[in-house]
Each structure stands twice: as structure tokens, then as C-alpha cells.
Amino acid sequence: MRDDLVQRSTIACCVLAVATLALPAPLLAQSAGGDPARGRALAGSMCASCHRIEGKNLDAPPGFAAVAAMPSTTALSLKVFLRSNHKEMPNLIISDTDTDDIVAYILSLNRPSVLRQ
């Protein structure tokens, strides 16, 4: 009985250790690998007709500052969102480089940056 308890505890500790290592701890510090300045220019030309590019907005759809402030916003979540179809958004085909730049720009809105001057 005691050996069974030790074995179960060992397995539980191993599962917990693996799960902890698998968690993306530095999500908020995650780099998009793109150019935020170029991403701002792209957002201005591709997204500004619907989204507020700078500052806060009061209406839907959300502005990019509001998106950047969401706890769930990461480079990965933005890339997945930009690659998925949404009935509220036009079906844009954005290159990988442009996607990385737009993601880098959105993520930069949650940090002090010279882009927001």
C-alpha cells in the first residue's frame, strides 16, 4: 500500500513538473520577431478603416491598444487570430512578414515605445 502511494505521488510530481515546464511563462514578454514601425504603417493602411490604430476607442471593433491590453494577447494568439476567418472581418490574406510586423506593433502598444509619440 505504501509503495503504491509513493508511486502515485512520484507520478503526480512528474506530471506537475512537465506541465509547469510546458507553460509559456514569458508570454507577455514574447517577441513577435517583426518590425513594429512597419507594422504600424501596415495597420494604418489595412486596418484603420475599422480599428482605431492609436489611442482608446469606445465602440466596436476594439482598437489595437485595447487588444494589446487583453491578458490573452500574445504573439501566438494574434497570429492565430489573423490567420482565422471571422464573419466581422474581411478575409485578408496577409503575408508572414506582414503578420509578424502587425503583431509586433500591437504588442508594442502594451509597452512604452517611441512609436506612440
C-alpha atoms as a PDB file:
ATOM      1  CA  MET A   1       0.000   0.000   0.000  1.00  0.00           C
ATOM      2  CA  ARG A   2       2.782   2.409   0.922  1.00  0.00           C
ATOM      3  CA  ASP A   3       4.671   1.627  -2.293  1.00  0.00           C
ATOM      4  CA  ASP A   4       1.514   2.361  -4.292  1.00  0.00           C
ATOM      5  CA  LEU A   5       1.157   5.747  -2.583  1.00  0.00           C
ATOM      6  CA  VAL A   6       4.806   6.612  -3.242  1.00  0.00           C
ATOM      7  CA  GLN A   7       4.437   5.587  -6.879  1.00  0.00           C
ATOM      8  CA  ARG A   8       1.311   7.718  -7.322  1.00  0.00           C
ATOM      9  CA  SER A   9       2.986  10.697  -5.644  1.00  0.00           C
ATOM     10  CA  THR A  10       6.018  10.322  -7.885  1.00  0.00           C
ATOM     11  CA  ILE A  11       3.839  10.187 -10.988  1.00  0.00           C
ATOM     12  CA  ALA A  12       1.859  13.228  -9.841  1.00  0.00           C
ATOM     13  CA  CYS A  13       5.061  15.198  -9.229  1.00  0.00           C
ATOM     14  CA  CYS A  14       6.419  14.248 -12.656  1.00  0.00           C
ATOM     15  CA  VAL A  15       3.183  15.274 -14.367  1.00  0.00           C
ATOM     16  CA  LEU A  16       3.191  18.569 -12.483  1.00  0.00           C
ATOM     17  CA  ALA A  17       6.835  19.216 -13.400  1.00  0.00           C
ATOM     18  CA  VAL A  18       6.205  18.502 -17.085  1.00  0.00           C
ATOM     19  CA  ALA A  19       3.084  20.678 -17.090  1.00  0.00           C
ATOM     20  CA  THR A  20       4.973  23.518 -15.435  1.00  0.00           C
ATOM     21  CA  LEU A  21       7.781  23.310 -17.974  1.00  0.00           C
ATOM     22  CA  ALA A  22       5.260  23.278 -20.812  1.00  0.00           C
ATOM     23  CA  LEU A  23       3.594  26.509 -19.660  1.00  0.00           C
ATOM     24  CA  PRO A  24       4.671  29.524 -21.708  1.00  0.00           C
ATOM     25  CA  ALA A  25       5.681  31.624 -18.696  1.00  0.00           C
ATOM     26  CA  PRO A  26       7.065  34.683 -20.518  1.00  0.00           C
ATOM     27  CA  LEU A  27       4.012  35.193 -22.705  1.00  0.00           C
ATOM     28  CA  LEU A  28       3.801  38.916 -22.098  1.00  0.00           C
ATOM     29  CA  ALA A  29       7.467  39.353 -22.965  1.00  0.00           C
ATOM     30  CA  GLN A  30       7.111  37.235 -26.067  1.00  0.00           C
ATOM     31  CA  SER A  31       8.681  38.783 -29.128  1.00  0.00           C
ATOM     32  CA  ALA A  32       6.809  38.717 -32.398  1.00  0.00           C
ATOM     33  CA  GLY A  33      10.012  38.938 -34.371  1.00  0.00           C
ATOM     34  CA  GLY A  34       8.631  41.718 -36.559  1.00  0.00           C
ATOM     35  CA  ASP A  35       9.193  45.418 -37.095  1.00  0.00           C
ATOM     36  CA  PRO A  36       6.703  47.447 -35.019  1.00  0.00           C
ATOM     37  CA  ALA A  37       7.206  50.638 -37.069  1.00  0.00           C
ATOM     38  CA  ARG A  38       6.442  48.794 -40.301  1.00  0.00           C
ATOM     39  CA  GLY A  39       3.528  47.063 -38.556  1.00  0.00           C
ATOM     40  CA  ARG A  40       2.057  50.437 -37.594  1.00  0.00           C
ATOM     41  CA  ALA A  41       2.225  51.578 -41.211  1.00  0.00           C
ATOM     42  CA  LEU A  42       0.593  48.343 -42.377  1.00  0.00           C
ATOM     43  CA  ALA A  43      -2.127  48.615 -39.737  1.00  0.00           C
ATOM     44  CA  GLY A  44      -2.773  52.187 -40.863  1.00  0.00           C
ATOM     45  CA  SER A  45      -3.292  51.086 -44.448  1.00  0.00           C
ATOM     46  CA  MET A  46      -5.034  47.739 -43.860  1.00  0.00           C
ATOM     47  CA  CYS A  47      -6.943  48.046 -40.592  1.00  0.00           C
ATOM     48  CA  ALA A  48      -7.648  51.716 -39.838  1.00  0.00           C
ATOM     49  CA  SER A  49     -10.934  51.776 -41.729  1.00  0.00           C
ATOM     50  CA  CYS A  50     -12.445  49.651 -38.923  1.00  0.00           C
ATOM     51  CA  HIS A  51     -10.000  49.619 -35.987  1.00  0.00           C
ATOM     52  CA  ARG A  52      -8.571  52.510 -34.057  1.00  0.00           C
ATOM     53  CA  ILE A  53      -4.834  52.232 -34.558  1.00  0.00           C
ATOM     54  CA  GLU A  54      -3.790  54.574 -31.743  1.00  0.00           C
ATOM     55  CA  GLY A  55      -5.469  55.627 -28.545  1.00  0.00           C
ATOM     56  CA  LYS A  56      -8.547  54.188 -26.943  1.00  0.00           C
ATOM     57  CA  ASN A  57     -11.885  53.824 -28.649  1.00  0.00           C
ATOM     58  CA  LEU A  58     -15.348  53.459 -27.217  1.00  0.00           C
ATOM     59  CA  ASP A  59     -17.034  51.435 -29.943  1.00  0.00           C
ATOM     60  CA  ALA A  60     -16.545  48.039 -31.551  1.00  0.00           C
ATOM     61  CA  PRO A  61     -14.429  46.764 -33.135  1.00  0.00           C
ATOM     62  CA  PRO A  62     -11.738  47.153 -30.500  1.00  0.00           C
ATOM     63  CA  GLY A  63      -8.806  49.444 -31.069  1.00  0.00           C
ATOM     64  CA  PHE A  64      -5.343  47.946 -31.149  1.00  0.00           C
ATOM     65  CA  ALA A  65      -4.456  49.425 -27.729  1.00  0.00           C
ATOM     66  CA  ALA A  66      -7.431  47.583 -26.230  1.00  0.00           C
ATOM     67  CA  VAL A  67      -6.381  44.372 -27.975  1.00  0.00           C
ATOM     68  CA  ALA A  68      -2.813  44.784 -26.691  1.00  0.00           C
ATOM     69  CA  ALA A  69      -4.090  45.260 -23.126  1.00  0.00           C
ATOM     70  CA  MET A  70      -6.050  41.998 -23.084  1.00  0.00           C
ATOM     71  CA  PRO A  71      -4.427  39.389 -20.818  1.00  0.00           C
ATOM     72  CA  SER A  72      -4.895  36.771 -23.531  1.00  0.00           C
ATOM     73  CA  THR A  73      -2.980  38.760 -26.155  1.00  0.00           C
ATOM     74  CA  THR A  74       0.273  37.104 -27.155  1.00  0.00           C
ATOM     75  CA  ALA A  75       2.219  36.872 -30.392  1.00  0.00           C
ATOM     76  CA  LEU A  76       0.773  33.407 -30.927  1.00  0.00           C
ATOM     77  CA  SER A  77      -2.839  34.398 -30.196  1.00  0.00           C
ATOM     78  CA  LEU A  78      -2.596  37.362 -32.582  1.00  0.00           C
ATOM     79  CA  LYS A  79      -1.071  35.242 -35.344  1.00  0.00           C
ATOM     80  CA  VAL A  80      -3.810  32.632 -34.959  1.00  0.00           C
ATOM     81  CA  PHE A  81      -6.472  35.345 -34.976  1.00  0.00           C
ATOM     82  CA  LEU A  82      -5.062  36.967 -38.116  1.00  0.00           C
ATOM     83  CA  ARG A  83      -4.969  33.582 -39.861  1.00  0.00           C
ATOM     84  CA  SER A  84      -8.559  32.660 -38.962  1.00  0.00           C
ATOM     85  CA  ASN A  85     -11.763  33.655 -40.726  1.00  0.00           C
ATOM     86  CA  HIS A  86     -14.123  35.913 -38.780  1.00  0.00           C
ATOM     87  CA  LYS A  87     -17.529  36.992 -40.011  1.00  0.00           C
ATOM     88  CA  GLU A  88     -16.968  40.506 -38.676  1.00  0.00           C
ATOM     89  CA  MET A  89     -13.693  40.979 -40.566  1.00  0.00           C
ATOM     90  CA  PRO A  90     -12.833  40.899 -44.237  1.00  0.00           C
ATOM     91  CA  ASN A  91     -10.942  37.792 -45.331  1.00  0.00           C
ATOM     92  CA  LEU A  92      -7.493  39.348 -45.557  1.00  0.00           C
ATOM     93  CA  ILE A  93      -4.545  37.385 -46.864  1.00  0.00           C
ATOM     94  CA  ILE A  94      -1.530  38.744 -45.020  1.00  0.00           C
ATOM     95  CA  SER A  95       1.992  37.526 -45.695  1.00  0.00           C
ATOM     96  CA  ASP A  96       4.012  36.009 -42.863  1.00  0.00           C
ATOM     97  CA  THR A  97       6.325  39.024 -42.746  1.00  0.00           C
ATOM     98  CA  ASP A  98       3.423  41.494 -42.665  1.00  0.00           C
ATOM     99  CA  THR A  99       1.707  39.420 -39.972  1.00  0.00           C
ATOM    100  CA  ASP A 100       4.861  39.451 -37.835  1.00  0.00           C
ATOM    101  CA  ASP A 101       5.143  43.224 -38.253  1.00  0.00           C
ATOM    102  CA  ILE A 102       1.492  43.880 -37.342  1.00  0.00           C
ATOM    103  CA  VAL A 103       1.768  41.573 -34.332  1.00  0.00           C
ATOM    104  CA  ALA A 104       4.963  43.310 -33.207  1.00  0.00           C
ATOM    105  CA  TYR A 105       3.187  46.672 -33.472  1.00  0.00           C
ATOM    106  CA  ILE A 106       0.145  45.541 -31.472  1.00  0.00           C
ATOM    107  CA  LEU A 107       2.348  44.027 -28.761  1.00  0.00           C
ATOM    108  CA  SER A 108       4.402  47.236 -28.617  1.00  0.00           C
ATOM    109  CA  LEU A 109       1.272  49.160 -27.584  1.00  0.00           C
ATOM    110  CA  ASN A 110       1.363  47.465 -24.203  1.00  0.00           C
ATOM    111  CA  ARG A 111       4.921  48.725 -23.557  1.00  0.00           C
ATOM    112  CA  PRO A 112       6.460  52.212 -23.528  1.00  0.00           C
ATOM    113  CA  SER A 113       7.546  52.929 -27.075  1.00  0.00           C
ATOM    114  CA  VAL A 114       8.723  55.722 -29.318  1.00  0.00           C
ATOM    115  CA  LEU A 115       6.090  54.580 -31.823  1.00  0.00           C
ATOM    116  CA  ARG A 116       3.312  56.249 -29.830  1.00  0.00           C
ATOM    117  CA  GLN A 117       4.737  59.768 -29.882  1.00  0.00           C
END
